[in-house]
Amino acid sequence: IVRGGDLGVTGHIGWYVPKYWADKHPDVTDWKNLNKYAEELKTAESGGKGQLMDGSPSYVTNDVALVKNLDLDYKVVFAGSEAAQITQIQQFAKEKKPFLSYWYQPQWLFNEVPMVEVKLPEYTDECAAKDPADIDCAYPTTPLQKFLNADFVERGGDAASFLKKFQWSERDQNEVSEMIAQQRLTPEEAAKRWIDRHPDVWKKWLDKG
């Protein structure tokens, strides 16, 4: 196995608020100001505290520890599943209500509901190595890499060259995944539509220079 280069996409988990709310309250994107907005983010499920929405209780997250260790007046509330979390975010957005949610990039929902990340204390390897109950920093950021079979790289010709040059952005990936997840296109239909829209991106992948 050999490296095939950067995919162009960066994977990241974080806490997000809707852009329509952050535009009105730009300081909410700093965790130090979250308690100021706890009252606005209360729900029937959050027990008098602000709500931090997570998806499934089966997800391994640092959110309960972060709320405790950063002394935030919030309660982690589980939607039950990613699908339920998406539905709740869509409903909040439809009503232009504020929300704070665990979410990740790349994910097609950003195309439908633009969100802004809340800056948590900077991630460090030392922080990540702590006992999970003591975590008090942001989640890591992971630039996604391509890996190819070494023999294929040597003998794969144009196909191998194409895969090594293939590179797109989170926005590109979100666009295609939204077409499949929301617009119910087949992967082939979504690919065709994306190709028709973005020749400036994919033609570089075919360059034999």
N, C-alpha and C. Protein backbone atom coordinates (compact mmCIF):
# COMPACT_ATOMS: atom_id res chain seq x y z
N ILE A 1 0.84 -1.19 0.00
CA ILE A 1 0.00 0.00 0.00
C ILE A 1 0.89 1.25 0.00
N VAL A 2 0.57 2.20 -0.86
CA VAL A 2 1.33 3.45 -0.93
C VAL A 2 0.35 4.63 -0.87
N ARG A 3 0.87 5.76 -0.44
CA ARG A 3 0.04 6.96 -0.38
C ARG A 3 -0.32 7.43 -1.79
N GLY A 4 -1.56 7.85 -1.94
CA GLY A 4 -2.02 8.37 -3.23
C GLY A 4 -2.25 9.86 -3.23
N GLY A 5 -1.85 10.51 -2.13
CA GLY A 5 -2.01 11.97 -2.04
C GLY A 5 -3.22 12.38 -1.24
N ASP A 6 -3.39 13.68 -1.07
CA ASP A 6 -4.52 14.23 -0.32
C ASP A 6 -5.81 14.07 -1.11
N LEU A 7 -6.89 13.73 -0.42
CA LEU A 7 -8.20 13.70 -1.06
C LEU A 7 -8.73 15.11 -1.29
N GLY A 8 -8.27 16.05 -0.44
CA GLY A 8 -8.75 17.42 -0.53
C GLY A 8 -9.84 17.73 0.47
N VAL A 9 -10.26 16.70 1.20
CA VAL A 9 -11.33 16.82 2.19
C VAL A 9 -10.74 16.70 3.58
N THR A 10 -11.19 17.53 4.49
CA THR A 10 -10.75 17.45 5.88
C THR A 10 -11.92 17.00 6.75
N GLY A 11 -11.72 15.90 7.46
CA GLY A 11 -12.75 15.40 8.36
C GLY A 11 -12.65 16.08 9.72
N HIS A 12 -13.79 16.49 10.24
CA HIS A 12 -13.76 17.19 11.52
C HIS A 12 -15.10 17.10 12.23
N ILE A 13 -15.06 16.83 13.52
CA ILE A 13 -16.23 16.87 14.40
C ILE A 13 -16.15 18.15 15.21
N GLY A 14 -17.29 18.73 15.48
CA GLY A 14 -17.29 19.94 16.30
C GLY A 14 -18.68 20.28 16.78
N TRP A 15 -18.78 21.44 17.41
CA TRP A 15 -20.07 21.99 17.83
C TRP A 15 -20.43 23.10 16.86
N TYR A 16 -21.68 23.09 16.42
CA TYR A 16 -22.10 24.04 15.39
C TYR A 16 -23.39 24.75 15.77
N VAL A 17 -23.49 25.99 15.33
CA VAL A 17 -24.72 26.77 15.46
C VAL A 17 -25.13 27.21 14.06
N PRO A 18 -26.42 27.51 13.85
CA PRO A 18 -26.85 27.94 12.51
C PRO A 18 -26.28 29.30 12.16
N LYS A 19 -25.91 29.46 10.90
CA LYS A 19 -25.31 30.72 10.45
C LYS A 19 -26.27 31.90 10.64
N TYR A 20 -27.57 31.66 10.43
CA TYR A 20 -28.52 32.76 10.58
C TYR A 20 -28.52 33.30 12.01
N TRP A 21 -28.17 32.48 12.97
CA TRP A 21 -28.11 32.93 14.36
C TRP A 21 -26.75 33.54 14.68
N ALA A 22 -25.68 32.89 14.18
CA ALA A 22 -24.33 33.40 14.42
C ALA A 22 -24.13 34.77 13.79
N ASP A 23 -24.81 35.02 12.66
CA ASP A 23 -24.70 36.34 12.03
C ASP A 23 -25.22 37.44 12.96
N LYS A 24 -26.23 37.12 13.75
CA LYS A 24 -26.80 38.10 14.69
C LYS A 24 -26.03 38.16 16.00
N HIS A 25 -25.38 37.05 16.35
CA HIS A 25 -24.66 36.95 17.62
C HIS A 25 -23.27 36.34 17.37
N PRO A 26 -22.38 37.09 16.72
CA PRO A 26 -21.09 36.52 16.31
C PRO A 26 -20.24 36.00 17.45
N ASP A 27 -20.44 36.49 18.67
CA ASP A 27 -19.61 36.02 19.78
C ASP A 27 -20.00 34.62 20.24
N VAL A 28 -21.12 34.08 19.74
CA VAL A 28 -21.52 32.73 20.15
C VAL A 28 -20.56 31.68 19.59
N THR A 29 -19.74 32.05 18.62
CA THR A 29 -18.82 31.09 18.04
C THR A 29 -17.56 30.88 18.88
N ASP A 30 -17.49 31.50 20.04
CA ASP A 30 -16.41 31.26 21.01
C ASP A 30 -17.04 30.57 22.22
N TRP A 31 -16.52 29.41 22.58
CA TRP A 31 -17.11 28.62 23.67
C TRP A 31 -17.22 29.42 24.97
N LYS A 32 -16.32 30.38 25.16
CA LYS A 32 -16.33 31.15 26.40
C LYS A 32 -17.62 31.97 26.57
N ASN A 33 -18.33 32.17 25.47
CA ASN A 33 -19.57 32.95 25.52
C ASN A 33 -20.83 32.09 25.52
N LEU A 34 -20.67 30.78 25.51
CA LEU A 34 -21.85 29.92 25.39
C LEU A 34 -22.82 30.08 26.55
N ASN A 35 -22.30 30.24 27.76
CA ASN A 35 -23.21 30.35 28.91
C ASN A 35 -24.13 31.57 28.79
N LYS A 36 -23.65 32.58 28.11
CA LYS A 36 -24.45 33.78 27.87
C LYS A 36 -25.72 33.45 27.07
N TYR A 37 -25.65 32.37 26.29
CA TYR A 37 -26.77 32.01 25.41
C TYR A 37 -27.52 30.76 25.87
N ALA A 38 -27.18 30.26 27.05
CA ALA A 38 -27.82 29.03 27.53
C ALA A 38 -29.33 29.17 27.63
N GLU A 39 -29.78 30.33 28.07
CA GLU A 39 -31.23 30.55 28.23
C GLU A 39 -31.95 30.42 26.88
N GLU A 40 -31.35 30.98 25.83
CA GLU A 40 -31.96 30.92 24.50
C GLU A 40 -31.98 29.50 23.95
N LEU A 41 -31.07 28.67 24.43
CA LEU A 41 -30.94 27.32 23.89
C LEU A 41 -31.60 26.25 24.76
N LYS A 42 -32.37 26.69 25.73
CA LYS A 42 -33.10 25.72 26.56
C LYS A 42 -34.21 25.05 25.74
N THR A 43 -34.44 23.77 26.04
CA THR A 43 -35.56 23.05 25.44
C THR A 43 -36.28 22.28 26.54
N ALA A 44 -37.37 21.66 26.18
CA ALA A 44 -38.13 20.86 27.16
C ALA A 44 -37.31 19.68 27.67
N GLU A 45 -36.34 19.25 26.86
CA GLU A 45 -35.54 18.08 27.23
C GLU A 45 -34.27 18.43 28.01
N SER A 46 -33.91 19.70 28.07
CA SER A 46 -32.59 20.05 28.62
C SER A 46 -32.61 20.44 30.10
N GLY A 47 -33.74 20.30 30.74
CA GLY A 47 -33.80 20.45 32.19
C GLY A 47 -33.35 21.79 32.73
N GLY A 48 -33.76 22.87 32.11
CA GLY A 48 -33.41 24.20 32.62
C GLY A 48 -32.05 24.69 32.18
N LYS A 49 -31.30 23.87 31.45
CA LYS A 49 -29.99 24.27 30.93
C LYS A 49 -30.10 24.47 29.42
N GLY A 50 -29.05 24.98 28.82
CA GLY A 50 -29.01 25.04 27.38
C GLY A 50 -28.87 23.64 26.81
N GLN A 51 -29.38 23.43 25.61
CA GLN A 51 -29.29 22.10 24.99
C GLN A 51 -28.13 22.02 24.02
N LEU A 52 -27.29 21.00 24.20
CA LEU A 52 -26.29 20.60 23.21
C LEU A 52 -26.81 19.31 22.60
N MET A 53 -27.20 19.35 21.34
CA MET A 53 -27.82 18.19 20.72
C MET A 53 -26.77 17.25 20.12
N ASP A 54 -26.85 15.99 20.52
CA ASP A 54 -26.05 14.93 19.93
C ASP A 54 -26.99 13.98 19.18
N GLY A 55 -26.41 13.02 18.48
CA GLY A 55 -27.22 12.10 17.70
C GLY A 55 -27.63 10.88 18.49
N SER A 56 -26.93 9.78 18.28
CA SER A 56 -27.24 8.53 18.97
C SER A 56 -26.41 8.41 20.24
N PRO A 57 -26.99 7.87 21.31
CA PRO A 57 -26.20 7.63 22.53
C PRO A 57 -25.04 6.66 22.30
N SER A 58 -25.10 5.91 21.19
CA SER A 58 -24.03 4.95 20.89
C SER A 58 -22.78 5.64 20.34
N TYR A 59 -22.90 6.90 19.90
CA TYR A 59 -21.73 7.62 19.40
C TYR A 59 -20.72 7.82 20.53
N VAL A 60 -19.45 7.65 20.21
CA VAL A 60 -18.40 7.94 21.18
C VAL A 60 -18.01 9.41 21.00
N THR A 61 -18.43 10.25 21.94
CA THR A 61 -18.11 11.67 21.87
C THR A 61 -17.52 12.14 23.20
N ASN A 62 -16.95 13.33 23.16
CA ASN A 62 -16.40 13.94 24.37
C ASN A 62 -17.36 14.97 24.97
N ASP A 63 -18.57 15.04 24.47
CA ASP A 63 -19.42 16.18 24.77
C ASP A 63 -19.83 16.30 26.23
N VAL A 64 -20.18 15.20 26.86
CA VAL A 64 -20.55 15.26 28.28
C VAL A 64 -19.37 15.76 29.11
N ALA A 65 -18.17 15.24 28.80
CA ALA A 65 -16.96 15.68 29.52
C ALA A 65 -16.67 17.15 29.24
N LEU A 66 -16.82 17.57 27.99
CA LEU A 66 -16.55 18.97 27.64
C LEU A 66 -17.48 19.92 28.38
N VAL A 67 -18.76 19.58 28.42
CA VAL A 67 -19.72 20.43 29.13
C VAL A 67 -19.32 20.57 30.60
N LYS A 68 -18.94 19.46 31.21
CA LYS A 68 -18.55 19.47 32.63
C LYS A 68 -17.24 20.22 32.83
N ASN A 69 -16.22 19.87 32.04
CA ASN A 69 -14.88 20.41 32.28
C ASN A 69 -14.73 21.88 31.87
N LEU A 70 -15.59 22.34 30.97
CA LEU A 70 -15.56 23.75 30.59
C LEU A 70 -16.58 24.57 31.38
N ASP A 71 -17.22 23.90 32.34
CA ASP A 71 -18.18 24.56 33.24
C ASP A 71 -19.28 25.28 32.46
N LEU A 72 -19.88 24.54 31.54
CA LEU A 72 -20.93 25.10 30.70
C LEU A 72 -22.30 24.74 31.26
N ASP A 73 -23.20 25.68 31.20
CA ASP A 73 -24.55 25.49 31.73
C ASP A 73 -25.43 24.84 30.66
N TYR A 74 -25.00 23.65 30.26
CA TYR A 74 -25.67 22.93 29.18
C TYR A 74 -25.87 21.46 29.55
N LYS A 75 -26.80 20.85 28.87
CA LYS A 75 -27.04 19.41 29.00
C LYS A 75 -26.99 18.79 27.62
N VAL A 76 -26.26 17.67 27.50
CA VAL A 76 -26.23 16.93 26.24
C VAL A 76 -27.54 16.17 26.10
N VAL A 77 -28.25 16.43 25.02
CA VAL A 77 -29.54 15.77 24.75
C VAL A 77 -29.39 14.98 23.46
N PHE A 78 -29.71 13.69 23.52
CA PHE A 78 -29.55 12.82 22.36
C PHE A 78 -30.83 12.78 21.53
N ALA A 79 -30.68 13.04 20.24
CA ALA A 79 -31.83 12.98 19.34
C ALA A 79 -32.28 11.53 19.14
N GLY A 80 -31.35 10.58 19.28
CA GLY A 80 -31.67 9.17 19.15
C GLY A 80 -30.98 8.50 17.99
N SER A 81 -30.75 9.24 16.92
CA SER A 81 -30.07 8.72 15.74
C SER A 81 -29.63 9.91 14.89
N GLU A 82 -28.77 9.65 13.91
CA GLU A 82 -28.37 10.74 13.03
C GLU A 82 -29.56 11.25 12.23
N ALA A 83 -30.42 10.34 11.78
CA ALA A 83 -31.60 10.76 11.01
C ALA A 83 -32.50 11.67 11.84
N ALA A 84 -32.69 11.32 13.11
CA ALA A 84 -33.52 12.15 13.99
C ALA A 84 -32.86 13.50 14.24
N GLN A 85 -31.55 13.49 14.37
CA GLN A 85 -30.81 14.74 14.58
C GLN A 85 -30.96 15.66 13.36
N ILE A 86 -30.84 15.09 12.17
CA ILE A 86 -31.02 15.87 10.94
C ILE A 86 -32.42 16.48 10.90
N THR A 87 -33.42 15.67 11.23
CA THR A 87 -34.80 16.16 11.22
C THR A 87 -34.97 17.33 12.19
N GLN A 88 -34.37 17.21 13.38
CA GLN A 88 -34.49 18.29 14.36
C GLN A 88 -33.79 19.56 13.89
N ILE A 89 -32.61 19.40 13.31
CA ILE A 89 -31.88 20.57 12.79
C ILE A 89 -32.69 21.24 11.69
N GLN A 90 -33.27 20.44 10.79
CA GLN A 90 -34.09 21.00 9.72
C GLN A 90 -35.29 21.75 10.27
N GLN A 91 -35.89 21.21 11.33
CA GLN A 91 -37.05 21.87 11.92
C GLN A 91 -36.66 23.18 12.59
N PHE A 92 -35.55 23.16 13.33
CA PHE A 92 -35.05 24.40 13.93
C PHE A 92 -34.81 25.45 12.84
N ALA A 93 -34.18 25.02 11.75
CA ALA A 93 -33.85 25.96 10.66
C ALA A 93 -35.12 26.50 10.00
N LYS A 94 -36.09 25.64 9.82
CA LYS A 94 -37.36 26.06 9.20
C LYS A 94 -38.01 27.18 10.01
N GLU A 95 -37.89 27.07 11.34
CA GLU A 95 -38.50 28.05 12.24
C GLU A 95 -37.53 29.16 12.63
N LYS A 96 -36.30 29.11 12.05
CA LYS A 96 -35.26 30.10 12.35
C LYS A 96 -34.96 30.19 13.85
N LYS A 97 -34.99 29.04 14.50
CA LYS A 97 -34.68 28.99 15.93
C LYS A 97 -33.19 28.71 16.13
N PRO A 98 -32.62 29.17 17.25
CA PRO A 98 -31.22 28.86 17.53
C PRO A 98 -31.06 27.42 17.99
N PHE A 99 -29.90 26.84 17.72
CA PHE A 99 -29.57 25.52 18.24
C PHE A 99 -28.06 25.38 18.33
N LEU A 100 -27.62 24.46 19.17
CA LEU A 100 -26.21 24.09 19.30
C LEU A 100 -26.14 22.59 19.14
N SER A 101 -25.34 22.12 18.18
CA SER A 101 -25.35 20.70 17.88
C SER A 101 -23.94 20.16 17.61
N TYR A 102 -23.71 18.96 18.09
CA TYR A 102 -22.56 18.16 17.65
C TYR A 102 -22.81 17.81 16.19
N TRP A 103 -21.82 18.05 15.34
CA TRP A 103 -21.99 17.69 13.93
C TRP A 103 -20.62 17.50 13.30
N TYR A 104 -20.58 17.14 12.06
CA TYR A 104 -19.29 16.80 11.45
C TYR A 104 -19.25 17.24 10.00
N GLN A 105 -18.03 17.39 9.52
CA GLN A 105 -17.76 17.79 8.15
C GLN A 105 -16.82 16.77 7.53
N PRO A 106 -17.02 16.36 6.28
CA PRO A 106 -18.06 16.82 5.36
C PRO A 106 -19.41 16.13 5.62
N GLN A 107 -20.48 16.84 5.39
CA GLN A 107 -21.84 16.31 5.54
C GLN A 107 -22.79 17.19 4.73
N TRP A 108 -23.66 16.56 3.96
CA TRP A 108 -24.50 17.30 3.02
C TRP A 108 -25.42 18.32 3.68
N LEU A 109 -25.75 18.14 4.96
CA LEU A 109 -26.70 19.03 5.61
C LEU A 109 -26.21 20.48 5.63
N PHE A 110 -24.88 20.68 5.56
CA PHE A 110 -24.34 22.04 5.52
C PHE A 110 -24.85 22.81 4.31
N ASN A 111 -25.15 22.10 3.21
CA ASN A 111 -25.67 22.76 2.01
C ASN A 111 -27.08 23.28 2.24
N GLU A 112 -27.85 22.55 3.02
CA GLU A 112 -29.25 22.92 3.28
C GLU A 112 -29.37 23.89 4.46
N VAL A 113 -28.59 23.63 5.50
CA VAL A 113 -28.61 24.47 6.70
C VAL A 113 -27.17 24.93 6.97
N PRO A 114 -26.77 26.08 6.46
CA PRO A 114 -25.41 26.56 6.73
C PRO A 114 -25.17 26.72 8.23
N MET A 115 -24.04 26.18 8.68
CA MET A 115 -23.71 26.22 10.11
C MET A 115 -22.30 26.75 10.30
N VAL A 116 -22.07 27.30 11.48
CA VAL A 116 -20.77 27.87 11.84
C VAL A 116 -20.26 27.14 13.07
N GLU A 117 -18.98 26.80 13.06
CA GLU A 117 -18.42 26.06 14.20
C GLU A 117 -18.16 26.96 15.39
N VAL A 118 -18.45 26.44 16.56
CA VAL A 118 -18.08 27.10 17.82
C VAL A 118 -16.64 26.70 18.14
N LYS A 119 -15.79 27.68 18.35
CA LYS A 119 -14.39 27.39 18.62
C LYS A 119 -14.22 26.93 20.06
N LEU A 120 -13.82 25.67 20.22
CA LEU A 120 -13.51 25.10 21.54
C LEU A 120 -12.03 25.30 21.83
N PRO A 121 -11.58 25.05 23.07
CA PRO A 121 -10.14 25.13 23.35
C PRO A 121 -9.35 24.28 22.35
N GLU A 122 -8.21 24.78 21.94
CA GLU A 122 -7.44 24.15 20.87
C GLU A 122 -7.11 22.68 21.18
N TYR A 123 -7.26 21.85 20.15
CA TYR A 123 -6.90 20.43 20.27
C TYR A 123 -5.39 20.27 20.42
N THR A 124 -4.98 19.38 21.32
CA THR A 124 -3.58 18.98 21.42
C THR A 124 -3.54 17.48 21.64
N ASP A 125 -2.44 16.86 21.27
CA ASP A 125 -2.28 15.43 21.51
C ASP A 125 -2.29 15.13 23.00
N GLU A 126 -1.75 16.05 23.80
CA GLU A 126 -1.72 15.86 25.25
C GLU A 126 -3.14 15.83 25.81
N CYS A 127 -3.98 16.70 25.31
CA CYS A 127 -5.38 16.72 25.76
C CYS A 127 -6.08 15.43 25.35
N ALA A 128 -5.86 14.99 24.11
CA ALA A 128 -6.52 13.79 23.61
C ALA A 128 -6.10 12.54 24.38
N ALA A 129 -4.89 12.58 24.97
CA ALA A 129 -4.38 11.42 25.70
C ALA A 129 -4.94 11.33 27.12
N LYS A 130 -5.66 12.34 27.56
CA LYS A 130 -6.23 12.31 28.92
C LYS A 130 -7.29 11.23 29.05
N ASP A 131 -7.62 10.92 30.30
CA ASP A 131 -8.79 10.09 30.55
C ASP A 131 -9.99 10.74 29.87
N PRO A 132 -10.85 9.95 29.20
CA PRO A 132 -11.99 10.55 28.49
C PRO A 132 -12.83 11.49 29.34
N ALA A 133 -12.92 11.21 30.62
CA ALA A 133 -13.72 12.07 31.51
C ALA A 133 -13.07 13.43 31.75
N ASP A 134 -11.78 13.56 31.40
CA ASP A 134 -11.05 14.80 31.67
C ASP A 134 -10.80 15.64 30.41
N ILE A 135 -11.31 15.20 29.27
CA ILE A 135 -11.09 15.93 28.02
C ILE A 135 -11.67 17.34 28.12
N ASP A 136 -10.87 18.33 27.70
CA ASP A 136 -11.33 19.71 27.75
C ASP A 136 -10.87 20.52 26.54
N CYS A 137 -10.76 19.86 25.39
CA CYS A 137 -10.33 20.55 24.18
C CYS A 137 -11.15 20.08 22.98
N ALA A 138 -10.93 20.74 21.86
CA ALA A 138 -11.68 20.45 20.64
C ALA A 138 -11.35 19.06 20.09
N TYR A 139 -12.18 18.62 19.18
CA TYR A 139 -11.93 17.37 18.46
C TYR A 139 -10.82 17.59 17.43
N PRO A 140 -10.11 16.52 17.04
CA PRO A 140 -9.04 16.68 16.06
C PRO A 140 -9.59 16.96 14.66
N THR A 141 -8.72 17.47 13.83
CA THR A 141 -9.00 17.69 12.41
C THR A 141 -8.15 16.72 11.61
N THR A 142 -8.77 16.01 10.66
CA THR A 142 -8.08 14.95 9.95
C THR A 142 -8.12 15.16 8.44
N PRO A 143 -7.02 15.62 7.83
CA PRO A 143 -6.98 15.69 6.36
C PRO A 143 -7.02 14.27 5.80
N LEU A 144 -8.01 13.98 4.97
CA LEU A 144 -8.19 12.62 4.47
C LEU A 144 -7.21 12.32 3.34
N GLN A 145 -6.65 11.12 3.41
CA GLN A 145 -5.63 10.69 2.46
C GLN A 145 -6.14 9.55 1.58
N LYS A 146 -5.53 9.43 0.40
CA LYS A 146 -5.81 8.29 -0.48
C LYS A 146 -4.67 7.28 -0.34
N PHE A 147 -5.02 6.01 -0.37
CA PHE A 147 -4.02 4.94 -0.34
C PHE A 147 -4.33 3.97 -1.47
N LEU A 148 -3.30 3.57 -2.19
CA LEU A 148 -3.47 2.71 -3.36
C LEU A 148 -2.58 1.49 -3.26
N ASN A 149 -3.01 0.42 -3.91
CA ASN A 149 -2.19 -0.78 -4.02
C ASN A 149 -0.92 -0.44 -4.80
N ALA A 150 0.23 -0.81 -4.26
CA ALA A 150 1.51 -0.43 -4.87
C ALA A 150 1.65 -0.98 -6.29
N ASP A 151 1.21 -2.21 -6.50
CA ASP A 151 1.30 -2.81 -7.83
C ASP A 151 0.40 -2.05 -8.81
N PHE A 152 -0.77 -1.64 -8.34
CA PHE A 152 -1.69 -0.89 -9.20
C PHE A 152 -1.08 0.45 -9.59
N VAL A 153 -0.40 1.10 -8.66
CA VAL A 153 0.24 2.38 -8.96
C VAL A 153 1.26 2.21 -10.08
N GLU A 154 1.99 1.08 -10.06
CA GLU A 154 3.02 0.83 -11.07
C GLU A 154 2.42 0.46 -12.42
N ARG A 155 1.35 -0.33 -12.40
CA ARG A 155 0.83 -0.90 -13.65
C ARG A 155 -0.55 -0.39 -14.04
N GLY A 156 -1.11 0.49 -13.24
CA GLY A 156 -2.50 0.90 -13.48
C GLY A 156 -2.70 1.93 -14.56
N GLY A 157 -1.63 2.47 -15.09
CA GLY A 157 -1.74 3.39 -16.21
C GLY A 157 -2.62 4.59 -15.93
N ASP A 158 -3.53 4.86 -16.87
CA ASP A 158 -4.39 6.05 -16.77
C ASP A 158 -5.28 6.00 -15.53
N ALA A 159 -5.74 4.80 -15.17
CA ALA A 159 -6.63 4.69 -14.00
C ALA A 159 -5.89 5.09 -12.73
N ALA A 160 -4.66 4.63 -12.59
CA ALA A 160 -3.86 4.98 -11.41
C ALA A 160 -3.55 6.48 -11.41
N SER A 161 -3.23 7.01 -12.58
CA SER A 161 -2.94 8.44 -12.68
C SER A 161 -4.17 9.27 -12.29
N PHE A 162 -5.34 8.82 -12.74
CA PHE A 162 -6.59 9.51 -12.42
C PHE A 162 -6.82 9.54 -10.92
N LEU A 163 -6.65 8.40 -10.26
CA LEU A 163 -6.92 8.34 -8.82
C LEU A 163 -5.93 9.18 -8.03
N LYS A 164 -4.69 9.23 -8.48
CA LYS A 164 -3.71 10.06 -7.77
C LYS A 164 -4.03 11.55 -7.92
N LYS A 165 -4.60 11.92 -9.07
CA LYS A 165 -4.91 13.33 -9.31
C LYS A 165 -6.29 13.72 -8.78
N PHE A 166 -7.12 12.72 -8.49
CA PHE A 166 -8.47 13.01 -8.00
C PHE A 166 -8.38 13.77 -6.68
N GLN A 167 -8.99 14.92 -6.66
CA GLN A 167 -9.00 15.76 -5.45
C GLN A 167 -10.17 16.72 -5.54
N TRP A 168 -10.97 16.76 -4.47
CA TRP A 168 -12.07 17.71 -4.43
C TRP A 168 -12.26 18.23 -3.02
N SER A 169 -13.21 19.13 -2.85
CA SER A 169 -13.38 19.82 -1.58
C SER A 169 -14.54 19.24 -0.78
N GLU A 170 -14.64 19.67 0.48
CA GLU A 170 -15.80 19.30 1.28
C GLU A 170 -17.09 19.76 0.59
N ARG A 171 -17.03 20.93 -0.02
CA ARG A 171 -18.22 21.45 -0.70
C ARG A 171 -18.64 20.54 -1.85
N ASP A 172 -17.66 20.05 -2.61
CA ASP A 172 -17.97 19.12 -3.70
C ASP A 172 -18.60 17.84 -3.16
N GLN A 173 -17.99 17.27 -2.14
CA GLN A 173 -18.51 16.03 -1.57
C GLN A 173 -19.91 16.23 -1.00
N ASN A 174 -20.12 17.35 -0.32
CA ASN A 174 -21.44 17.62 0.24
C ASN A 174 -22.49 17.78 -0.85
N GLU A 175 -22.09 18.37 -1.97
CA GLU A 175 -23.02 18.56 -3.08
C GLU A 175 -23.50 17.22 -3.63
N VAL A 176 -22.56 16.31 -3.85
CA VAL A 176 -22.92 14.99 -4.39
C VAL A 176 -23.73 14.19 -3.38
N SER A 177 -23.30 14.19 -2.13
CA SER A 177 -24.02 13.39 -1.13
C SER A 177 -25.42 13.94 -0.89
N GLU A 178 -25.60 15.26 -1.00
CA GLU A 178 -26.94 15.84 -0.86
C GLU A 178 -27.85 15.38 -2.00
N MET A 179 -27.31 15.32 -3.21
CA MET A 179 -28.12 14.85 -4.34
C MET A 179 -28.60 13.42 -4.12
N ILE A 180 -27.74 12.60 -3.52
CA ILE A 180 -28.11 11.20 -3.28
C ILE A 180 -29.06 11.09 -2.09
N ALA A 181 -28.73 11.76 -0.99
CA ALA A 181 -29.51 11.60 0.25
C ALA A 181 -30.84 12.33 0.21
N GLN A 182 -30.86 13.54 -0.34
CA GLN A 182 -32.06 14.37 -0.28
C GLN A 182 -32.86 14.38 -1.58
N GLN A 183 -32.15 14.45 -2.70
CA GLN A 183 -32.83 14.53 -3.99
C GLN A 183 -33.11 13.16 -4.58
N ARG A 184 -32.62 12.13 -3.92
CA ARG A 184 -32.88 10.74 -4.30
C ARG A 184 -32.34 10.37 -5.68
N LEU A 185 -31.28 11.03 -6.09
CA LEU A 185 -30.62 10.62 -7.32
C LEU A 185 -29.81 9.35 -7.06
N THR A 186 -29.61 8.55 -8.09
CA THR A 186 -28.69 7.43 -7.95
C THR A 186 -27.27 7.98 -7.91
N PRO A 187 -26.31 7.21 -7.40
CA PRO A 187 -24.93 7.69 -7.42
C PRO A 187 -24.47 8.08 -8.82
N GLU A 188 -24.90 7.31 -9.83
CA GLU A 188 -24.50 7.61 -11.20
C GLU A 188 -25.11 8.93 -11.67
N GLU A 189 -26.38 9.16 -11.34
CA GLU A 189 -27.04 10.41 -11.72
C GLU A 189 -26.40 11.61 -11.02
N ALA A 190 -26.08 11.42 -9.74
CA ALA A 190 -25.45 12.50 -8.99
C ALA A 190 -24.07 12.83 -9.56
N ALA A 191 -23.33 11.78 -9.90
CA ALA A 191 -22.00 11.98 -10.49
C ALA A 191 -22.10 12.74 -11.81
N LYS A 192 -23.07 12.35 -12.64
CA LYS A 192 -23.25 13.00 -13.94
C LYS A 192 -23.59 14.48 -13.75
N ARG A 193 -24.49 14.77 -12.82
CA ARG A 193 -24.88 16.16 -12.60
C ARG A 193 -23.70 16.98 -12.08
N TRP A 194 -22.92 16.38 -11.16
CA TRP A 194 -21.76 17.10 -10.63
C TRP A 194 -20.74 17.35 -11.73
N ILE A 195 -20.50 16.35 -12.57
CA ILE A 195 -19.55 16.49 -13.68
C ILE A 195 -19.98 17.60 -14.63
N ASP A 196 -21.27 17.65 -14.92
CA ASP A 196 -21.77 18.69 -15.82
C ASP A 196 -21.56 20.09 -15.24
N ARG A 197 -21.62 20.20 -13.92
CA ARG A 197 -21.50 21.50 -13.27
C ARG A 197 -20.05 21.94 -13.05
N HIS A 198 -19.12 20.99 -12.98
CA HIS A 198 -17.77 21.32 -12.51
C HIS A 198 -16.65 20.81 -13.43
N PRO A 199 -16.72 21.10 -14.73
CA PRO A 199 -15.64 20.63 -15.61
C PRO A 199 -14.28 21.21 -15.23
N ASP A 200 -14.28 22.39 -14.62
CA ASP A 200 -13.02 23.02 -14.23
C ASP A 200 -12.29 22.22 -13.17
N VAL A 201 -13.04 21.42 -12.40
CA VAL A 201 -12.42 20.60 -11.36
C VAL A 201 -11.92 19.28 -11.94
N TRP A 202 -12.82 18.54 -12.60
CA TRP A 202 -12.47 17.17 -12.97
C TRP A 202 -11.54 17.06 -14.18
N LYS A 203 -11.50 18.08 -15.03
CA LYS A 203 -10.61 17.99 -16.20
C LYS A 203 -9.14 17.93 -15.79
N LYS A 204 -8.85 18.49 -14.62
CA LYS A 204 -7.47 18.43 -14.12
C LYS A 204 -7.07 17.00 -13.78
N TRP A 205 -8.04 16.17 -13.43
CA TRP A 205 -7.75 14.78 -13.07
C TRP A 205 -7.33 13.95 -14.29
N LEU A 206 -7.71 14.43 -15.48
CA LEU A 206 -7.42 13.68 -16.71
C LEU A 206 -6.17 14.17 -17.41
N ASP A 207 -5.58 15.23 -16.89
CA ASP A 207 -4.39 15.81 -17.49
C ASP A 207 -3.24 14.81 -17.43
N LYS A 208 -2.65 14.51 -18.57
CA LYS A 208 -1.55 13.53 -18.62
C LYS A 208 -0.19 14.21 -18.54
N GLY A 209 -0.21 15.49 -18.29
CA GLY A 209 1.06 16.21 -18.20
C GLY A 209 1.78 15.97 -16.91
